[in-house]
Amino acid sequence: MKDFWDERYRQSDFVYGDQPNIYFAEKLAELTPGKALFPAEGEGRNAVYAAIQGFEVEAFDQSEEGKKKAMQLAEINSVKINYTTVSADTIGYKKESFDLLVMVFAHFPEILRRDLHRWFSSLVKKGGGIILEGFSKEHSKFQDENPNAGGPKHWEMLYDLEELKTDFSDFDFQEAYISETILSEGAYHKGKASVVRFFGTKR
């Protein structure tokens, strides 16, 4: 998958746009700036937006090309982000070292998903937050209708709401729901989509 993402991000344009995800931006506005973690952050549009809002940002992704684009976007916006190129299952952070976990279309293989989610959860301080938007299992029908709708091609990598609640069981959720929405995020998130949305606080 690293080669796939390097090839996609090597394009000159920001393939998912250079503006933050709408749901993420709305929820971020409700929080006090702190230290935020962005797994699978790609070209950095959400991490850079958080830095603009005053958050201390730590991001990672397996794609070196994604990092290049993210650092370019940070420079354009005159902010600093820390960005590591590494596989999700090998990165090391201290437990309870972040005030916020942000997962925007951060999908992982089924065999790794629960362990990674539990690990990410352990990195958030008590009273810290989570903002998540990802493609739901129901999104597969929109993928069939529109190849530009985006999302993993493997059905098992799409999100099930109840499975996610179990993965992040140490959070109290102010919001946890599936929604149909219209995406307009660059060339590869375009059109009708079914998404899971989470907004919660670590117990």
N, C-alpha and C. Protein backbone atom coordinates (compact mmCIF):
# COMPACT_ATOMS: atom_id res chain seq x y z
N MET A 1 0.82 -1.22 0.00
CA MET A 1 0.00 0.00 0.00
C MET A 1 0.85 1.27 0.00
N LYS A 2 2.06 1.19 0.54
CA LYS A 2 2.93 2.36 0.53
C LYS A 2 3.17 2.86 -0.89
N ASP A 3 3.43 1.94 -1.81
CA ASP A 3 3.67 2.34 -3.21
C ASP A 3 2.43 3.00 -3.80
N PHE A 4 1.25 2.46 -3.47
CA PHE A 4 0.00 3.05 -3.97
C PHE A 4 -0.12 4.50 -3.51
N TRP A 5 0.09 4.75 -2.21
CA TRP A 5 -0.08 6.09 -1.68
C TRP A 5 1.02 7.03 -2.16
N ASP A 6 2.23 6.54 -2.27
CA ASP A 6 3.30 7.39 -2.81
C ASP A 6 2.96 7.84 -4.23
N GLU A 7 2.44 6.92 -5.03
CA GLU A 7 2.09 7.26 -6.41
C GLU A 7 0.95 8.28 -6.44
N ARG A 8 -0.04 8.09 -5.59
CA ARG A 8 -1.18 9.02 -5.58
C ARG A 8 -0.74 10.42 -5.12
N TYR A 9 0.03 10.48 -4.07
CA TYR A 9 0.42 11.78 -3.52
C TYR A 9 1.50 12.47 -4.34
N ARG A 10 2.12 11.74 -5.25
CA ARG A 10 3.16 12.34 -6.09
C ARG A 10 2.57 13.35 -7.09
N GLN A 11 1.27 13.30 -7.30
CA GLN A 11 0.62 14.26 -8.19
C GLN A 11 0.82 15.69 -7.66
N SER A 12 0.87 16.64 -8.56
CA SER A 12 1.15 18.02 -8.15
C SER A 12 0.01 18.61 -7.33
N ASP A 13 -1.22 18.26 -7.63
CA ASP A 13 -2.36 18.76 -6.88
C ASP A 13 -2.49 18.04 -5.55
N PHE A 14 -3.17 18.69 -4.60
CA PHE A 14 -3.56 18.01 -3.36
C PHE A 14 -4.77 17.15 -3.69
N VAL A 15 -4.58 15.84 -3.69
CA VAL A 15 -5.58 14.96 -4.29
C VAL A 15 -6.88 14.89 -3.49
N TYR A 16 -6.83 15.25 -2.20
CA TYR A 16 -8.04 15.35 -1.39
C TYR A 16 -8.31 16.81 -1.01
N GLY A 17 -7.72 17.72 -1.75
CA GLY A 17 -7.89 19.13 -1.49
C GLY A 17 -6.94 19.64 -0.41
N ASP A 18 -6.89 20.95 -0.25
CA ASP A 18 -6.03 21.54 0.77
C ASP A 18 -6.83 22.16 1.92
N GLN A 19 -8.15 21.93 1.93
CA GLN A 19 -9.01 22.43 3.00
C GLN A 19 -9.38 21.30 3.96
N PRO A 20 -9.64 21.61 5.22
CA PRO A 20 -9.94 20.54 6.19
C PRO A 20 -11.28 19.88 5.92
N ASN A 21 -11.40 18.66 6.40
CA ASN A 21 -12.67 17.97 6.41
C ASN A 21 -13.69 18.79 7.20
N ILE A 22 -14.90 18.93 6.67
CA ILE A 22 -15.89 19.82 7.26
C ILE A 22 -16.28 19.39 8.67
N TYR A 23 -16.57 18.09 8.86
CA TYR A 23 -16.97 17.62 10.19
C TYR A 23 -15.86 17.85 11.20
N PHE A 24 -14.64 17.51 10.83
CA PHE A 24 -13.49 17.72 11.70
C PHE A 24 -13.37 19.18 12.11
N ALA A 25 -13.45 20.10 11.15
CA ALA A 25 -13.31 21.53 11.44
C ALA A 25 -14.40 22.02 12.38
N GLU A 26 -15.62 21.54 12.18
CA GLU A 26 -16.73 21.94 13.05
C GLU A 26 -16.49 21.51 14.49
N LYS A 27 -16.03 20.28 14.67
CA LYS A 27 -15.82 19.77 16.02
C LYS A 27 -14.57 20.36 16.67
N LEU A 28 -13.55 20.60 15.86
CA LEU A 28 -12.33 21.19 16.41
C LEU A 28 -12.63 22.55 17.04
N ALA A 29 -13.55 23.28 16.45
CA ALA A 29 -13.90 24.61 16.95
C ALA A 29 -14.47 24.57 18.36
N GLU A 30 -14.94 23.41 18.81
CA GLU A 30 -15.51 23.27 20.14
C GLU A 30 -14.46 22.96 21.20
N LEU A 31 -13.21 22.76 20.79
CA LEU A 31 -12.17 22.30 21.71
C LEU A 31 -11.13 23.38 21.99
N THR A 32 -10.52 23.27 23.18
CA THR A 32 -9.39 24.13 23.54
C THR A 32 -8.12 23.57 22.93
N PRO A 33 -7.29 24.39 22.30
CA PRO A 33 -6.06 23.88 21.69
C PRO A 33 -5.18 23.12 22.69
N GLY A 34 -4.60 22.03 22.19
CA GLY A 34 -3.69 21.20 22.97
C GLY A 34 -2.82 20.42 22.00
N LYS A 35 -2.40 19.24 22.41
CA LYS A 35 -1.55 18.40 21.57
C LYS A 35 -2.40 17.36 20.85
N ALA A 36 -2.33 17.33 19.53
CA ALA A 36 -3.22 16.48 18.73
C ALA A 36 -2.42 15.49 17.89
N LEU A 37 -2.93 14.26 17.80
CA LEU A 37 -2.32 13.20 17.00
C LEU A 37 -3.18 12.91 15.78
N PHE A 38 -2.52 12.83 14.61
CA PHE A 38 -3.19 12.57 13.34
C PHE A 38 -2.58 11.32 12.68
N PRO A 39 -3.14 10.13 12.93
CA PRO A 39 -2.67 8.93 12.22
C PRO A 39 -3.08 8.94 10.75
N ALA A 40 -2.25 8.34 9.90
CA ALA A 40 -2.56 8.20 8.47
C ALA A 40 -2.98 9.53 7.87
N GLU A 41 -2.15 10.56 8.06
CA GLU A 41 -2.55 11.93 7.76
C GLU A 41 -2.35 12.34 6.31
N GLY A 42 -1.69 11.52 5.50
CA GLY A 42 -1.62 11.84 4.08
C GLY A 42 -0.98 13.17 3.78
N GLU A 43 -1.68 14.02 3.02
CA GLU A 43 -1.14 15.30 2.58
C GLU A 43 -1.29 16.43 3.60
N GLY A 44 -1.84 16.14 4.76
CA GLY A 44 -1.76 17.07 5.87
C GLY A 44 -2.80 18.15 6.00
N ARG A 45 -3.88 18.07 5.22
CA ARG A 45 -4.83 19.19 5.23
C ARG A 45 -5.47 19.41 6.60
N ASN A 46 -5.75 18.34 7.32
CA ASN A 46 -6.38 18.48 8.63
C ASN A 46 -5.36 18.85 9.71
N ALA A 47 -4.18 18.26 9.65
CA ALA A 47 -3.13 18.59 10.61
C ALA A 47 -2.73 20.05 10.50
N VAL A 48 -2.58 20.54 9.29
CA VAL A 48 -2.20 21.94 9.09
C VAL A 48 -3.29 22.86 9.60
N TYR A 49 -4.55 22.50 9.35
CA TYR A 49 -5.65 23.33 9.84
C TYR A 49 -5.62 23.40 11.37
N ALA A 50 -5.37 22.26 12.03
CA ALA A 50 -5.30 22.27 13.49
C ALA A 50 -4.17 23.16 13.98
N ALA A 51 -3.03 23.11 13.29
CA ALA A 51 -1.90 23.97 13.68
C ALA A 51 -2.27 25.45 13.53
N ILE A 52 -3.00 25.78 12.48
CA ILE A 52 -3.46 27.16 12.27
C ILE A 52 -4.35 27.59 13.44
N GLN A 53 -5.11 26.66 13.99
CA GLN A 53 -6.02 26.95 15.10
C GLN A 53 -5.31 26.94 16.46
N GLY A 54 -4.02 26.71 16.46
CA GLY A 54 -3.25 26.79 17.70
C GLY A 54 -2.91 25.47 18.35
N PHE A 55 -3.21 24.35 17.71
CA PHE A 55 -2.87 23.04 18.26
C PHE A 55 -1.41 22.69 17.98
N GLU A 56 -0.80 21.96 18.91
CA GLU A 56 0.50 21.35 18.68
C GLU A 56 0.24 20.02 17.98
N VAL A 57 0.80 19.83 16.79
CA VAL A 57 0.39 18.73 15.92
C VAL A 57 1.49 17.70 15.75
N GLU A 58 1.10 16.44 15.95
CA GLU A 58 1.96 15.29 15.64
C GLU A 58 1.19 14.42 14.64
N ALA A 59 1.80 14.16 13.49
CA ALA A 59 1.14 13.38 12.44
C ALA A 59 2.09 12.30 11.94
N PHE A 60 1.49 11.23 11.40
CA PHE A 60 2.32 10.22 10.74
C PHE A 60 1.56 9.57 9.61
N ASP A 61 2.33 8.99 8.70
CA ASP A 61 1.79 8.27 7.55
C ASP A 61 2.92 7.41 6.99
N GLN A 62 2.56 6.37 6.25
CA GLN A 62 3.58 5.53 5.64
C GLN A 62 4.17 6.13 4.37
N SER A 63 3.54 7.17 3.83
CA SER A 63 3.93 7.73 2.53
C SER A 63 4.88 8.91 2.67
N GLU A 64 6.07 8.78 2.12
CA GLU A 64 7.01 9.89 2.10
C GLU A 64 6.48 11.02 1.21
N GLU A 65 5.80 10.67 0.13
CA GLU A 65 5.23 11.70 -0.75
C GLU A 65 4.13 12.48 -0.03
N GLY A 66 3.35 11.79 0.79
CA GLY A 66 2.35 12.47 1.59
C GLY A 66 2.97 13.48 2.54
N LYS A 67 4.07 13.07 3.19
CA LYS A 67 4.77 13.98 4.10
C LYS A 67 5.26 15.21 3.36
N LYS A 68 5.84 15.03 2.17
CA LYS A 68 6.33 16.18 1.41
C LYS A 68 5.23 17.20 1.15
N LYS A 69 4.05 16.69 0.78
CA LYS A 69 2.93 17.59 0.50
C LYS A 69 2.46 18.28 1.79
N ALA A 70 2.44 17.53 2.89
CA ALA A 70 2.01 18.10 4.17
C ALA A 70 2.95 19.21 4.63
N MET A 71 4.25 18.98 4.49
CA MET A 71 5.21 19.99 4.91
C MET A 71 5.13 21.21 4.00
N GLN A 72 4.84 20.98 2.73
CA GLN A 72 4.64 22.09 1.78
C GLN A 72 3.43 22.92 2.19
N LEU A 73 2.34 22.24 2.56
CA LEU A 73 1.13 22.95 2.96
C LEU A 73 1.34 23.71 4.26
N ALA A 74 2.10 23.12 5.18
CA ALA A 74 2.40 23.82 6.43
C ALA A 74 3.21 25.08 6.16
N GLU A 75 4.16 24.99 5.25
CA GLU A 75 4.97 26.16 4.92
C GLU A 75 4.13 27.25 4.28
N ILE A 76 3.24 26.86 3.38
CA ILE A 76 2.35 27.83 2.74
C ILE A 76 1.53 28.59 3.78
N ASN A 77 1.14 27.88 4.84
CA ASN A 77 0.29 28.47 5.87
C ASN A 77 1.07 29.00 7.08
N SER A 78 2.41 28.96 6.98
CA SER A 78 3.28 29.53 8.02
C SER A 78 3.04 28.91 9.40
N VAL A 79 2.87 27.57 9.42
CA VAL A 79 2.73 26.85 10.68
C VAL A 79 3.70 25.69 10.72
N LYS A 80 3.88 25.13 11.92
CA LYS A 80 4.79 24.01 12.11
C LYS A 80 3.99 22.77 12.50
N ILE A 81 4.28 21.65 11.86
CA ILE A 81 3.74 20.36 12.29
C ILE A 81 4.90 19.36 12.37
N ASN A 82 4.78 18.42 13.30
CA ASN A 82 5.72 17.31 13.38
C ASN A 82 5.12 16.14 12.61
N TYR A 83 5.84 15.63 11.65
CA TYR A 83 5.30 14.59 10.76
C TYR A 83 6.35 13.50 10.59
N THR A 84 5.97 12.27 10.94
CA THR A 84 6.86 11.11 10.86
C THR A 84 6.40 10.17 9.76
N THR A 85 7.33 9.68 8.96
CA THR A 85 7.00 8.67 7.94
C THR A 85 7.28 7.30 8.54
N VAL A 86 6.21 6.56 8.80
CA VAL A 86 6.34 5.28 9.50
C VAL A 86 5.05 4.49 9.32
N SER A 87 5.15 3.19 9.43
CA SER A 87 3.97 2.33 9.43
C SER A 87 3.23 2.46 10.75
N ALA A 88 1.91 2.41 10.70
CA ALA A 88 1.10 2.62 11.91
C ALA A 88 1.40 1.60 13.00
N ASP A 89 1.77 0.37 12.62
CA ASP A 89 1.97 -0.67 13.63
C ASP A 89 3.38 -0.67 14.23
N THR A 90 4.20 0.30 13.85
CA THR A 90 5.56 0.37 14.41
C THR A 90 5.86 1.68 15.12
N ILE A 91 4.96 2.65 15.02
CA ILE A 91 5.25 3.95 15.62
C ILE A 91 5.13 3.88 17.14
N GLY A 92 5.96 4.67 17.83
CA GLY A 92 5.93 4.66 19.28
C GLY A 92 5.68 6.04 19.86
N TYR A 93 4.66 6.15 20.72
CA TYR A 93 4.40 7.37 21.47
C TYR A 93 4.15 6.98 22.92
N LYS A 94 4.27 7.94 23.83
CA LYS A 94 3.98 7.68 25.23
C LYS A 94 2.47 7.64 25.45
N LYS A 95 2.03 6.72 26.30
CA LYS A 95 0.61 6.65 26.63
C LYS A 95 0.16 7.94 27.31
N GLU A 96 -1.08 8.29 27.06
CA GLU A 96 -1.71 9.47 27.64
C GLU A 96 -0.88 10.73 27.42
N SER A 97 -0.39 10.90 26.20
CA SER A 97 0.44 12.06 25.88
C SER A 97 -0.24 13.05 24.93
N PHE A 98 -1.49 12.76 24.53
CA PHE A 98 -2.19 13.65 23.60
C PHE A 98 -3.53 14.09 24.17
N ASP A 99 -3.91 15.32 23.81
CA ASP A 99 -5.21 15.86 24.22
C ASP A 99 -6.30 15.53 23.21
N LEU A 100 -5.90 15.13 22.01
CA LEU A 100 -6.88 14.89 20.96
C LEU A 100 -6.36 13.87 19.96
N LEU A 101 -7.22 12.94 19.58
CA LEU A 101 -6.96 11.99 18.51
C LEU A 101 -7.88 12.32 17.35
N VAL A 102 -7.29 12.50 16.15
CA VAL A 102 -8.07 12.84 14.96
C VAL A 102 -7.86 11.75 13.91
N MET A 103 -8.95 11.12 13.49
CA MET A 103 -8.89 10.08 12.47
C MET A 103 -9.91 10.43 11.38
N VAL A 104 -9.41 11.01 10.29
CA VAL A 104 -10.27 11.40 9.17
C VAL A 104 -9.91 10.50 7.99
N PHE A 105 -10.83 9.59 7.66
CA PHE A 105 -10.62 8.61 6.59
C PHE A 105 -9.30 7.84 6.79
N ALA A 106 -9.05 7.48 8.04
CA ALA A 106 -7.87 6.69 8.40
C ALA A 106 -8.32 5.24 8.58
N HIS A 107 -8.25 4.47 7.50
CA HIS A 107 -8.72 3.08 7.50
C HIS A 107 -7.53 2.13 7.51
N PHE A 108 -7.65 1.07 8.29
CA PHE A 108 -6.57 0.10 8.41
C PHE A 108 -7.09 -1.31 8.11
N PRO A 109 -6.20 -2.21 7.71
CA PRO A 109 -6.62 -3.59 7.43
C PRO A 109 -7.31 -4.22 8.64
N GLU A 110 -8.29 -5.06 8.38
CA GLU A 110 -9.09 -5.68 9.43
C GLU A 110 -8.22 -6.38 10.47
N ILE A 111 -7.16 -7.02 10.03
CA ILE A 111 -6.31 -7.78 10.94
C ILE A 111 -5.59 -6.88 11.95
N LEU A 112 -5.42 -5.61 11.61
CA LEU A 112 -4.71 -4.66 12.46
C LEU A 112 -5.64 -3.67 13.16
N ARG A 113 -6.84 -3.50 12.65
CA ARG A 113 -7.69 -2.38 13.03
C ARG A 113 -7.91 -2.25 14.54
N ARG A 114 -8.40 -3.31 15.17
CA ARG A 114 -8.76 -3.19 16.59
C ARG A 114 -7.55 -2.90 17.46
N ASP A 115 -6.44 -3.61 17.21
CA ASP A 115 -5.24 -3.38 18.01
C ASP A 115 -4.73 -1.95 17.83
N LEU A 116 -4.76 -1.45 16.60
CA LEU A 116 -4.32 -0.08 16.36
C LEU A 116 -5.25 0.92 17.04
N HIS A 117 -6.52 0.70 16.94
CA HIS A 117 -7.47 1.62 17.56
C HIS A 117 -7.31 1.63 19.09
N ARG A 118 -7.09 0.46 19.67
CA ARG A 118 -6.88 0.40 21.12
C ARG A 118 -5.59 1.12 21.50
N TRP A 119 -4.56 0.97 20.67
CA TRP A 119 -3.30 1.65 20.91
C TRP A 119 -3.47 3.16 20.82
N PHE A 120 -4.13 3.62 19.76
CA PHE A 120 -4.36 5.06 19.61
C PHE A 120 -5.15 5.61 20.79
N SER A 121 -6.13 4.85 21.24
CA SER A 121 -6.95 5.26 22.37
C SER A 121 -6.09 5.45 23.63
N SER A 122 -5.13 4.56 23.83
CA SER A 122 -4.28 4.63 25.02
C SER A 122 -3.38 5.86 25.02
N LEU A 123 -3.20 6.48 23.88
CA LEU A 123 -2.33 7.65 23.77
C LEU A 123 -3.02 8.93 24.20
N VAL A 124 -4.35 8.88 24.38
CA VAL A 124 -5.14 10.07 24.71
C VAL A 124 -5.27 10.18 26.23
N LYS A 125 -5.05 11.38 26.74
CA LYS A 125 -5.20 11.64 28.17
C LYS A 125 -6.66 11.52 28.59
N LYS A 126 -6.88 11.22 29.87
CA LYS A 126 -8.23 11.28 30.41
C LYS A 126 -8.76 12.71 30.26
N GLY A 127 -9.97 12.82 29.74
CA GLY A 127 -10.54 14.12 29.46
C GLY A 127 -10.21 14.63 28.07
N GLY A 128 -9.32 13.91 27.35
CA GLY A 128 -8.99 14.26 25.98
C GLY A 128 -10.09 13.85 25.02
N GLY A 129 -9.95 14.22 23.76
CA GLY A 129 -11.04 14.01 22.80
C GLY A 129 -10.67 13.13 21.63
N ILE A 130 -11.71 12.73 20.90
CA ILE A 130 -11.56 12.04 19.61
C ILE A 130 -12.50 12.67 18.61
N ILE A 131 -12.00 12.91 17.41
CA ILE A 131 -12.82 13.28 16.27
C ILE A 131 -12.53 12.28 15.17
N LEU A 132 -13.56 11.60 14.69
CA LEU A 132 -13.39 10.57 13.67
C LEU A 132 -14.44 10.72 12.59
N GLU A 133 -14.00 10.67 11.34
CA GLU A 133 -14.92 10.48 10.22
C GLU A 133 -14.28 9.47 9.28
N GLY A 134 -15.03 8.44 8.95
CA GLY A 134 -14.55 7.41 8.03
C GLY A 134 -15.71 6.84 7.23
N PHE A 135 -15.38 6.08 6.21
CA PHE A 135 -16.42 5.48 5.38
C PHE A 135 -17.06 4.29 6.08
N SER A 136 -18.39 4.24 6.05
CA SER A 136 -19.12 3.15 6.69
C SER A 136 -19.26 1.96 5.73
N LYS A 137 -19.69 0.83 6.28
CA LYS A 137 -19.95 -0.34 5.45
C LYS A 137 -20.97 -0.03 4.35
N GLU A 138 -21.89 0.86 4.65
CA GLU A 138 -22.94 1.22 3.69
C GLU A 138 -22.40 2.01 2.50
N HIS A 139 -21.17 2.47 2.61
CA HIS A 139 -20.59 3.28 1.54
C HIS A 139 -20.32 2.46 0.27
N SER A 140 -20.24 1.16 0.39
CA SER A 140 -19.90 0.32 -0.78
C SER A 140 -20.88 0.53 -1.93
N LYS A 141 -22.16 0.80 -1.62
CA LYS A 141 -23.14 1.01 -2.70
C LYS A 141 -22.83 2.29 -3.48
N PHE A 142 -22.31 3.31 -2.80
CA PHE A 142 -21.95 4.55 -3.49
C PHE A 142 -20.68 4.38 -4.30
N GLN A 143 -19.78 3.54 -3.83
CA GLN A 143 -18.58 3.22 -4.61
C GLN A 143 -18.95 2.53 -5.92
N ASP A 144 -19.95 1.66 -5.86
CA ASP A 144 -20.40 0.96 -7.07
C ASP A 144 -20.97 1.95 -8.09
N GLU A 145 -21.66 2.97 -7.59
CA GLU A 145 -22.31 3.94 -8.47
C GLU A 145 -21.34 5.00 -8.99
N ASN A 146 -20.32 5.31 -8.19
CA ASN A 146 -19.43 6.44 -8.51
C ASN A 146 -17.99 6.10 -8.12
N PRO A 147 -17.12 5.85 -9.08
CA PRO A 147 -15.74 5.48 -8.76
C PRO A 147 -14.94 6.59 -8.07
N ASN A 148 -15.44 7.82 -8.11
CA ASN A 148 -14.75 8.93 -7.45
C ASN A 148 -15.25 9.19 -6.03
N ALA A 149 -16.15 8.32 -5.54
CA ALA A 149 -16.69 8.51 -4.20
C ALA A 149 -15.62 8.31 -3.13
N GLY A 150 -14.59 7.53 -3.45
CA GLY A 150 -13.49 7.32 -2.50
C GLY A 150 -13.73 6.16 -1.57
N GLY A 151 -12.73 5.93 -0.73
CA GLY A 151 -12.83 4.89 0.28
C GLY A 151 -12.14 3.61 -0.11
N PRO A 152 -11.82 2.76 0.90
CA PRO A 152 -11.15 1.48 0.63
C PRO A 152 -11.97 0.60 -0.31
N LYS A 153 -11.29 -0.12 -1.17
CA LYS A 153 -11.97 -1.02 -2.10
C LYS A 153 -12.32 -2.35 -1.43
N HIS A 154 -11.68 -2.63 -0.31
CA HIS A 154 -11.97 -3.87 0.42
C HIS A 154 -13.06 -3.60 1.45
N TRP A 155 -14.17 -4.32 1.33
CA TRP A 155 -15.33 -4.07 2.18
C TRP A 155 -14.99 -4.16 3.66
N GLU A 156 -14.08 -5.09 4.02
CA GLU A 156 -13.76 -5.30 5.44
C GLU A 156 -13.03 -4.11 6.05
N MET A 157 -12.49 -3.22 5.21
CA MET A 157 -11.81 -2.03 5.74
C MET A 157 -12.77 -0.87 5.97
N LEU A 158 -14.00 -0.98 5.47
CA LEU A 158 -15.01 0.03 5.77
C LEU A 158 -15.47 -0.14 7.21
N TYR A 159 -15.97 0.93 7.81
CA TYR A 159 -16.24 0.92 9.24
C TYR A 159 -17.67 0.48 9.59
N ASP A 160 -17.74 -0.31 10.65
CA ASP A 160 -19.01 -0.68 11.28
C ASP A 160 -19.13 0.14 12.57
N LEU A 161 -20.24 0.81 12.75
CA LEU A 161 -20.41 1.71 13.88
C LEU A 161 -20.23 0.99 15.22
N GLU A 162 -20.85 -0.16 15.37
CA GLU A 162 -20.78 -0.86 16.65
C GLU A 162 -19.37 -1.39 16.93
N GLU A 163 -18.67 -1.83 15.88
CA GLU A 163 -17.28 -2.27 16.06
C GLU A 163 -16.41 -1.10 16.52
N LEU A 164 -16.62 0.07 15.96
CA LEU A 164 -15.84 1.23 16.36
C LEU A 164 -16.14 1.62 17.81
N LYS A 165 -17.38 1.53 18.22
CA LYS A 165 -17.71 1.82 19.61
C LYS A 165 -16.97 0.88 20.55
N THR A 166 -16.83 -0.39 20.15
CA THR A 166 -16.07 -1.35 20.95
C THR A 166 -14.59 -1.03 20.94
N ASP A 167 -14.06 -0.68 19.78
CA ASP A 167 -12.64 -0.32 19.68
C ASP A 167 -12.30 0.84 20.59
N PHE A 168 -13.18 1.83 20.67
CA PHE A 168 -12.94 3.03 21.46
C PHE A 168 -13.88 3.06 22.68
N SER A 169 -13.96 1.95 23.37
CA SER A 169 -14.93 1.79 24.46
C SER A 169 -14.61 2.64 25.69
N ASP A 170 -13.41 3.21 25.77
CA ASP A 170 -13.08 4.05 26.91
C ASP A 170 -13.35 5.53 26.64
N PHE A 171 -14.15 5.80 25.61
CA PHE A 171 -14.61 7.16 25.33
C PHE A 171 -16.12 7.24 25.57
N ASP A 172 -16.55 8.38 26.10
CA ASP A 172 -17.97 8.72 26.11
C ASP A 172 -18.24 9.58 24.88
N PHE A 173 -19.26 9.19 24.10
CA PHE A 173 -19.50 9.85 22.83
C PHE A 173 -20.64 10.86 22.92
N GLN A 174 -20.31 12.10 22.57
CA GLN A 174 -21.35 13.11 22.41
C GLN A 174 -22.08 12.88 21.09
N GLU A 175 -21.35 12.31 20.12
CA GLU A 175 -21.93 11.96 18.82
C GLU A 175 -21.31 10.66 18.35
N ALA A 176 -22.13 9.77 17.82
CA ALA A 176 -21.66 8.52 17.20
C ALA A 176 -22.77 8.04 16.28
N TYR A 177 -22.59 8.28 14.97
CA TYR A 177 -23.69 8.00 14.06
C TYR A 177 -23.18 7.80 12.63
N ILE A 178 -24.06 7.24 11.80
CA ILE A 178 -23.80 7.07 10.36
C ILE A 178 -24.61 8.14 9.63
N SER A 179 -24.00 8.73 8.62
CA SER A 179 -24.67 9.80 7.88
C SER A 179 -24.36 9.69 6.39
N GLU A 180 -25.34 10.02 5.57
CA GLU A 180 -25.07 10.21 4.16
C GLU A 180 -24.73 11.67 3.92
N THR A 181 -23.67 11.90 3.15
CA THR A 181 -23.20 13.26 2.92
C THR A 181 -22.70 13.38 1.49
N ILE A 182 -22.47 14.58 1.05
CA ILE A 182 -21.88 14.85 -0.25
C ILE A 182 -20.45 15.34 -0.02
N LEU A 183 -19.48 14.59 -0.49
CA LEU A 183 -18.09 14.97 -0.33
C LEU A 183 -17.63 15.80 -1.52
N SER A 184 -16.81 16.80 -1.22
CA SER A 184 -16.16 17.58 -2.26
C SER A 184 -14.75 17.89 -1.76
N GLU A 185 -13.91 16.84 -1.76
CA GLU A 185 -12.56 16.92 -1.23
C GLU A 185 -11.59 16.46 -2.31
N GLY A 186 -11.17 17.38 -3.15
CA GLY A 186 -10.23 17.04 -4.20
C GLY A 186 -10.83 16.11 -5.24
N ALA A 187 -9.95 15.36 -5.93
CA ALA A 187 -10.38 14.52 -7.05
C ALA A 187 -10.92 13.17 -6.62
N TYR A 188 -10.61 12.71 -5.40
CA TYR A 188 -10.89 11.33 -5.04
C TYR A 188 -11.93 11.16 -3.94
N HIS A 189 -12.43 12.25 -3.39
CA HIS A 189 -13.57 12.21 -2.47
C HIS A 189 -14.62 13.13 -3.05
N LYS A 190 -15.37 12.63 -4.00
CA LYS A 190 -16.30 13.50 -4.73
C LYS A 190 -17.63 12.77 -4.94
N GLY A 191 -18.68 13.34 -4.36
CA GLY A 191 -20.00 12.76 -4.55
C GLY A 191 -20.59 12.21 -3.27
N LYS A 192 -21.70 11.48 -3.43
CA LYS A 192 -22.43 10.96 -2.27
C LYS A 192 -21.63 9.88 -1.56
N ALA A 193 -21.67 9.92 -0.23
CA ALA A 193 -20.92 8.96 0.58
C ALA A 193 -21.69 8.64 1.85
N SER A 194 -21.39 7.49 2.42
CA SER A 194 -21.91 7.12 3.74
C SER A 194 -20.73 7.09 4.70
N VAL A 195 -20.84 7.89 5.77
CA VAL A 195 -19.72 8.03 6.70
C VAL A 195 -20.16 7.73 8.13
N VAL A 196 -19.20 7.28 8.92
CA VAL A 196 -19.34 7.17 10.37
C VAL A 196 -18.70 8.40 10.99
N ARG A 197 -19.37 8.99 11.97
CA ARG A 197 -18.83 10.16 12.67
C ARG A 197 -18.84 9.93 14.17
N PHE A 198 -17.71 10.25 14.79
CA PHE A 198 -17.54 10.13 16.24
C PHE A 198 -17.01 11.44 16.80
N PHE A 199 -17.53 11.82 17.96
CA PHE A 199 -16.98 12.95 18.72
C PHE A 199 -17.15 12.59 20.17
N GLY A 200 -16.03 12.42 20.89
CA GLY A 200 -16.15 11.93 22.23
C GLY A 200 -15.03 12.38 23.16
N THR A 201 -15.17 11.98 24.44
CA THR A 201 -14.22 12.36 25.48
C THR A 201 -13.73 11.13 26.22
N LYS A 202 -12.43 11.05 26.46
CA LYS A 202 -11.82 9.89 27.13
C LYS A 202 -12.19 9.90 28.62
N ARG A 203 -12.65 8.74 29.08
CA ARG A 203 -12.98 8.60 30.50
C ARG A 203 -11.73 8.45 31.36
